[in-house]
Protein backbone atom coordinates (compact mmCIF):
# COMPACT_ATOMS: atom_id res chain seq x y z
CA GLN A 1 27.15 48.02 62.46
CA GLY A 2 25.15 45.31 60.73
CA THR A 3 24.17 41.73 61.43
CA LEU A 4 22.38 38.77 59.90
CA THR A 5 18.96 38.26 61.43
CA LEU A 6 15.84 36.23 60.75
CA LEU A 7 12.14 36.87 60.25
CA THR A 8 10.19 33.96 61.75
CA ASN A 9 6.57 32.80 61.59
CA GLU A 10 4.31 31.52 64.36
CA ARG A 11 5.48 27.95 63.72
CA GLY A 12 9.08 28.95 64.29
CA GLY A 13 9.92 28.72 60.59
CA ILE A 14 12.24 31.14 58.81
CA VAL A 15 10.37 33.61 56.60
CA ASP A 16 13.62 35.22 55.41
CA ASP A 17 17.20 35.93 56.42
CA LEU A 18 18.10 39.62 56.32
CA ILE A 19 21.06 41.93 56.74
CA VAL A 20 20.04 44.73 59.13
CA THR A 21 22.34 47.70 59.70
CA ASN A 22 21.93 50.14 62.59
CA THR A 23 22.98 53.30 60.75
CA SER A 24 24.31 56.58 62.11
CA GLU A 25 21.39 58.35 60.39
CA ASP A 26 18.82 57.22 63.00
CA HIS A 27 17.29 54.38 60.99
CA LEU A 28 17.70 50.67 60.28
CA TYR A 29 18.79 49.73 56.78
CA VAL A 30 17.41 46.33 55.76
CA VAL A 31 18.52 44.19 52.83
CA SER A 32 16.25 41.23 52.14
CA ASN A 33 16.32 38.43 49.61
CA ALA A 34 14.76 39.77 46.41
CA GLY A 35 12.38 36.83 46.15
CA CYS A 36 11.05 37.52 49.65
CA THR A 37 10.51 41.28 49.24
CA ASP A 38 6.72 41.25 49.10
CA LYS A 39 6.15 39.06 52.15
CA ASP A 40 8.89 40.82 54.14
CA LEU A 41 7.40 44.24 53.40
CA ALA A 42 3.93 43.04 54.39
CA ILE A 43 5.27 41.89 57.76
CA MET A 44 7.25 45.09 58.37
CA ARG A 45 4.40 47.39 57.37
CA GLY A 46 1.97 45.44 59.51
CA ARG A 47 4.23 45.69 62.53
CA ALA A 48 4.88 49.39 61.87
CA ALA A 49 1.13 50.02 61.81
CA GLU A 50 0.78 48.28 65.18
CA LEU A 51 3.56 50.42 66.66
CA GLN A 52 2.08 53.60 65.19
CA ALA A 53 -1.29 52.75 66.74
CA ALA A 54 0.51 52.43 70.09
CA GLY A 55 1.97 55.92 69.68
CA SER A 56 5.43 55.08 68.31
CA ASP A 57 7.10 57.23 65.65
CA VAL A 58 8.06 54.53 63.14
CA HIS A 59 7.58 54.03 59.42
CA VAL A 60 8.88 51.92 56.54
CA GLU A 61 10.50 53.39 53.41
CA VAL A 62 11.59 51.43 50.33
CA SER A 63 14.83 52.56 48.66
CA ASP A 64 15.19 52.31 44.88
CA ASN A 65 18.63 50.76 45.05
CA ALA A 66 20.49 48.01 43.23
CA LEU A 67 23.09 45.80 44.90
CA LEU A 68 26.54 45.07 43.49
CA ALA A 69 28.91 42.65 45.21
CA LEU A 70 32.66 43.04 44.76
CA GLN A 71 34.42 40.06 46.31
CA GLY A 72 37.87 38.53 46.74
CA SER A 73 40.98 39.36 48.74
CA PRO A 74 43.30 41.13 48.23
CA SER A 75 42.17 42.52 44.87
CA MET A 76 38.82 43.83 46.11
CA ALA A 77 40.35 46.32 48.55
CA ARG A 78 42.90 47.53 46.02
CA VAL A 79 40.30 48.02 43.27
CA LEU A 80 37.68 49.71 45.43
CA GLN A 81 40.07 51.97 47.31
CA ALA A 82 41.01 53.64 44.02
CA GLY A 83 37.45 54.97 43.71
CA LEU A 84 36.69 55.62 47.36
CA PRO A 85 37.39 58.79 49.37
CA ASP A 86 37.24 56.80 52.64
CA ASP A 87 39.96 54.56 54.09
CA LEU A 88 38.74 51.03 53.41
CA ALA A 89 41.30 49.63 55.87
CA LYS A 90 39.18 51.07 58.71
CA LEU A 91 36.01 49.29 57.59
CA SER A 92 35.55 45.93 59.36
CA PHE A 93 33.35 43.00 58.41
CA MET A 94 29.60 43.82 58.68
CA ASN A 95 30.23 47.56 59.03
CA SER A 96 29.08 50.08 56.44
CA ILE A 97 29.57 53.67 55.29
CA MET A 98 27.61 56.08 53.09
CA THR A 99 30.00 57.37 50.47
CA THR A 100 30.74 58.08 46.82
CA VAL A 101 32.06 55.17 44.74
CA PHE A 102 33.84 56.01 41.48
CA SER A 103 31.98 59.36 41.27
CA VAL A 104 28.57 57.79 42.04
CA PRO A 105 27.20 59.45 45.22
CA GLY A 106 24.69 58.01 47.68
CA CYS A 107 26.20 54.53 47.88
CA ARG A 108 26.19 52.39 51.03
CA VAL A 109 29.29 50.19 51.12
CA THR A 110 29.04 47.25 53.53
CA ARG A 111 31.99 44.96 54.17
CA CYS A 112 30.23 41.67 53.63
CA GLY A 113 29.15 39.34 50.87
CA TYR A 114 27.88 35.80 50.59
CA THR A 115 31.16 34.20 49.53
CA GLY A 116 33.14 33.72 52.75
CA GLU A 117 35.81 35.98 51.25
CA ASP A 118 36.73 39.57 52.03
CA GLY A 119 34.42 41.75 49.99
CA VAL A 120 31.81 44.48 49.91
CA GLU A 121 28.21 44.86 48.87
CA ILE A 122 27.44 48.25 47.35
CA SER A 123 23.87 49.57 47.57
CA VAL A 124 23.78 52.00 44.67
CA PRO A 125 20.94 54.18 43.33
CA ALA A 126 19.28 51.98 40.72
CA GLY A 127 19.57 54.58 37.97
CA ARG A 128 23.36 54.52 38.18
CA ALA A 129 23.93 50.82 38.86
CA VAL A 130 24.91 49.96 35.28
CA GLU A 131 27.33 52.90 35.20
CA LEU A 132 29.06 51.72 38.39
CA ALA A 133 29.10 48.08 37.28
CA GLU A 134 30.73 49.04 33.97
CA ARG A 135 33.26 51.21 35.79
CA LEU A 136 34.25 48.28 38.03
CA LEU A 137 34.35 45.83 35.12
CA GLY A 138 36.69 48.21 33.33
CA VAL A 139 39.38 47.25 35.86
CA PRO A 140 41.39 44.30 34.47
CA GLU A 141 41.30 42.47 37.82
CA VAL A 142 37.48 42.50 37.97
CA TRP A 143 35.43 39.79 36.25
CA PRO A 144 31.67 39.18 36.24
CA ALA A 145 30.67 36.12 38.28
CA GLY A 146 27.47 34.16 37.80
CA LEU A 147 25.28 32.60 40.46
CA ALA A 148 26.97 29.21 40.09
CA ALA A 149 30.31 30.73 41.13
CA ARG A 150 28.69 32.52 44.05
CA ASP A 151 26.88 29.32 45.03
CA SER A 152 30.07 27.25 45.20
CA LEU A 153 31.76 29.93 47.33
CA ARG A 154 28.89 30.33 49.80
CA LEU A 155 28.63 26.53 50.12
CA GLU A 156 32.36 26.22 50.80
CA ALA A 157 31.80 28.85 53.54
CA GLY A 158 28.88 26.84 54.99
CA LEU A 159 26.35 29.62 54.36
CA CYS A 160 22.65 28.86 53.93
CA LEU A 161 20.74 29.70 50.75
CA TYR A 162 17.15 30.75 51.42
CA GLY A 163 14.68 28.45 49.67
CA ASN A 164 17.19 25.58 49.64
CA ASP A 165 18.74 25.18 53.09
CA ILE A 166 16.26 27.28 55.08
CA ASP A 167 12.60 28.10 54.51
CA GLU A 168 9.32 28.55 56.38
CA THR A 169 9.39 24.92 57.56
CA THR A 170 12.91 25.21 59.03
CA THR A 171 13.56 26.61 62.50
CA PRO A 172 16.71 28.51 63.57
CA ALA A 173 17.56 25.68 65.97
CA GLU A 174 17.42 23.06 63.21
CA ALA A 175 19.44 25.25 60.86
CA GLY A 176 22.19 26.00 63.38
CA LEU A 177 21.34 29.70 63.33
CA LEU A 178 20.56 30.27 67.01
CA TRP A 179 23.50 32.70 67.14
CA THR A 180 21.21 35.20 65.39
CA LEU A 181 18.94 35.23 68.46
CA GLY A 182 20.24 37.61 71.15
CA LYS A 183 19.96 37.12 74.91
CA ARG A 184 17.31 39.82 75.34
CA ARG A 185 15.06 38.29 72.69
CA ARG A 186 15.49 34.83 74.18
CA ALA A 187 14.48 36.13 77.60
CA ALA A 188 11.60 38.29 76.36
CA MET A 189 10.29 35.69 73.86
CA ASP A 190 8.68 38.58 71.98
CA PHE A 191 9.03 37.27 68.43
CA PRO A 192 6.85 34.96 66.28
CA GLY A 193 7.37 31.27 67.02
CA ALA A 194 9.29 31.98 70.24
CA ALA A 195 7.66 29.16 72.22
CA ILE A 196 8.55 26.54 69.60
CA ILE A 197 12.09 27.83 69.01
CA MET A 198 12.95 28.20 72.70
CA ALA A 199 11.61 24.72 73.42
CA GLN A 200 14.06 23.41 70.81
CA VAL A 201 16.85 25.38 72.46
CA LYS A 202 16.09 23.60 75.72
CA GLU A 203 15.25 20.13 74.44
CA LYS A 204 17.38 20.15 71.25
CA PRO A 205 15.81 19.79 67.77
CA LYS A 206 15.13 16.37 66.30
CA ARG A 207 16.99 17.19 63.09
CA LYS A 208 20.03 19.35 62.35
CA ARG A 209 21.72 20.96 59.38
CA VAL A 210 25.10 19.37 58.66
CA GLY A 211 27.90 19.55 56.13
CA LEU A 212 28.76 16.56 53.94
CA THR A 213 31.77 15.62 51.83
CA SER A 214 31.89 12.89 49.21
CA GLY A 215 34.30 11.74 46.54
CA ALA A 216 31.61 11.14 43.94
CA GLY A 217 28.03 11.89 43.05
CA ALA A 218 27.67 15.67 43.22
CA ALA A 219 24.24 16.91 44.21
CA GLY A 220 22.16 18.50 41.47
CA PRO A 221 19.98 21.51 42.24
CA HIS A 222 16.83 19.95 40.77
CA SER A 223 17.27 16.37 41.96
CA PRO A 224 18.12 16.56 45.67
CA PRO A 225 19.82 13.37 46.91
CA ARG A 226 18.44 11.34 49.76
CA ILE A 227 20.44 10.40 52.83
CA LEU A 228 19.82 6.69 53.38
CA THR A 229 21.75 5.88 56.57
CA SER A 230 19.90 8.52 58.59
CA PRO A 231 16.52 9.68 57.23
CA GLY A 232 17.23 13.08 55.74
CA THR A 233 17.87 15.05 52.60
CA VAL A 234 20.60 17.07 50.91
CA THR A 235 19.54 20.68 50.37
CA SER A 236 22.60 22.08 48.55
CA GLY A 237 25.57 20.47 46.87
CA CYS A 238 28.27 21.02 44.26
CA PRO A 239 31.87 20.17 43.42
CA SER A 240 34.22 22.30 45.52
CA PRO A 241 36.80 24.07 43.31
CA SER A 242 38.96 24.74 46.38
CA LEU A 243 38.94 21.20 47.79
CA GLY A 244 38.66 19.04 44.69
CA LYS A 245 35.80 17.00 46.15
CA ASN A 246 32.03 17.18 46.36
CA ILE A 247 30.51 19.13 49.24
CA ALA A 248 26.94 19.50 50.38
CA MET A 249 24.73 20.44 53.27
CA GLY A 250 21.48 18.94 54.39
CA TYR A 251 19.44 17.73 57.34
CA VAL A 252 19.80 14.50 59.32
CA GLU A 253 18.40 13.18 62.57
CA ALA A 254 20.18 14.93 65.42
CA VAL A 255 21.48 11.63 66.83
CA HIS A 256 23.45 11.12 63.61
CA SER A 257 24.75 14.68 63.25
CA ARG A 258 28.19 14.35 64.83
CA ALA A 259 31.14 15.31 62.59
CA GLY A 260 32.92 12.22 61.29
CA THR A 261 29.75 10.13 61.01
CA ALA A 262 29.68 8.04 57.82
CA LEU A 263 26.48 8.08 55.77
CA THR A 264 25.22 6.67 52.50
CA VAL A 265 23.73 9.13 50.03
CA GLU A 266 21.63 8.21 47.02
CA VAL A 267 22.25 10.42 43.98
CA ARG A 268 20.37 9.69 40.76
CA LYS A 269 19.57 6.18 42.01
CA LYS A 270 23.23 5.43 42.77
CA GLN A 271 24.59 5.08 46.30
CA HIS A 272 27.73 6.90 47.44
CA PRO A 273 29.53 7.11 50.79
CA ALA A 274 29.56 10.53 52.47
CA LEU A 275 31.02 11.93 55.64
CA ILE A 276 29.50 14.51 57.97
CA THR A 277 32.00 17.36 58.02
CA LYS A 278 32.30 20.52 60.08
CA MET A 279 31.52 23.77 58.29
CA PRO A 280 32.87 25.96 56.90
CA PHE A 281 34.51 23.55 54.51
CA VAL A 282 37.00 26.29 53.56
CA PRO A 283 38.15 28.83 56.20
CA THR A 284 36.49 32.23 55.78
CA GLN A 285 38.51 35.38 55.08
CA TYR A 286 36.36 38.07 56.71
CA TYR A 287 38.26 41.30 57.33
CA MET A 288 38.61 42.90 60.77
CA ALA A 289 40.29 46.31 61.01
CA LYS A 290 43.29 46.50 63.33
């Protein structure tokens, strides 16, 4: 079983968002954002050293794996099942198995992916990643997808992109990610920035992440629009292929964060009306085994 979780700093900011899986092999399997690897490892190794000094049997190992994402229902399940000895119908969202994929052993298949669609992420030994990718791309239904395609899908699903929508100055409360913080951790307050984050849980943050829709003026990745009606900024935005309109997410003052609130957004020095909209913009298609 896996889950999304957060590394936080002493100011309550988000150092990284991670997928952590509690495996059946007596260890935790962690997938971090590639751009955050060095700082994440430094934190984990530092904490492991503290636990070792206290007598705990804990250590950190780095796997030489690549990550391939195969996404999209119903084709994904049909394509992958042909090269899988396991029954994919029994694998629910955020669960994983160690298996062989199209004759490549030692793969961890996790039913997840940052698209909002049914899909898997395959952790594959790096030396055989190209082989597996070429095998998958040899199936007529499988096409390579660039980051722009992935970005539009994850935005339609209302998912944060680290470095854009969340970073070390953003707290889980502001980002709407308090669901990643379990009851035990809230009670124990034994994580970096706990005092700041829990104070925001009680008193509510002054700003909040929201979804936005607009008929014109798509946000560009290198020229983030400003929200004029309520002081704030757009952190991600693009045309939605599914909806035929522009969608975005950003931060506004909490008092102006209610869905249905009309705002004015400035994009490239031009003003456009926008509407705060509940996320996800497009319903997700995560798979749960029956």
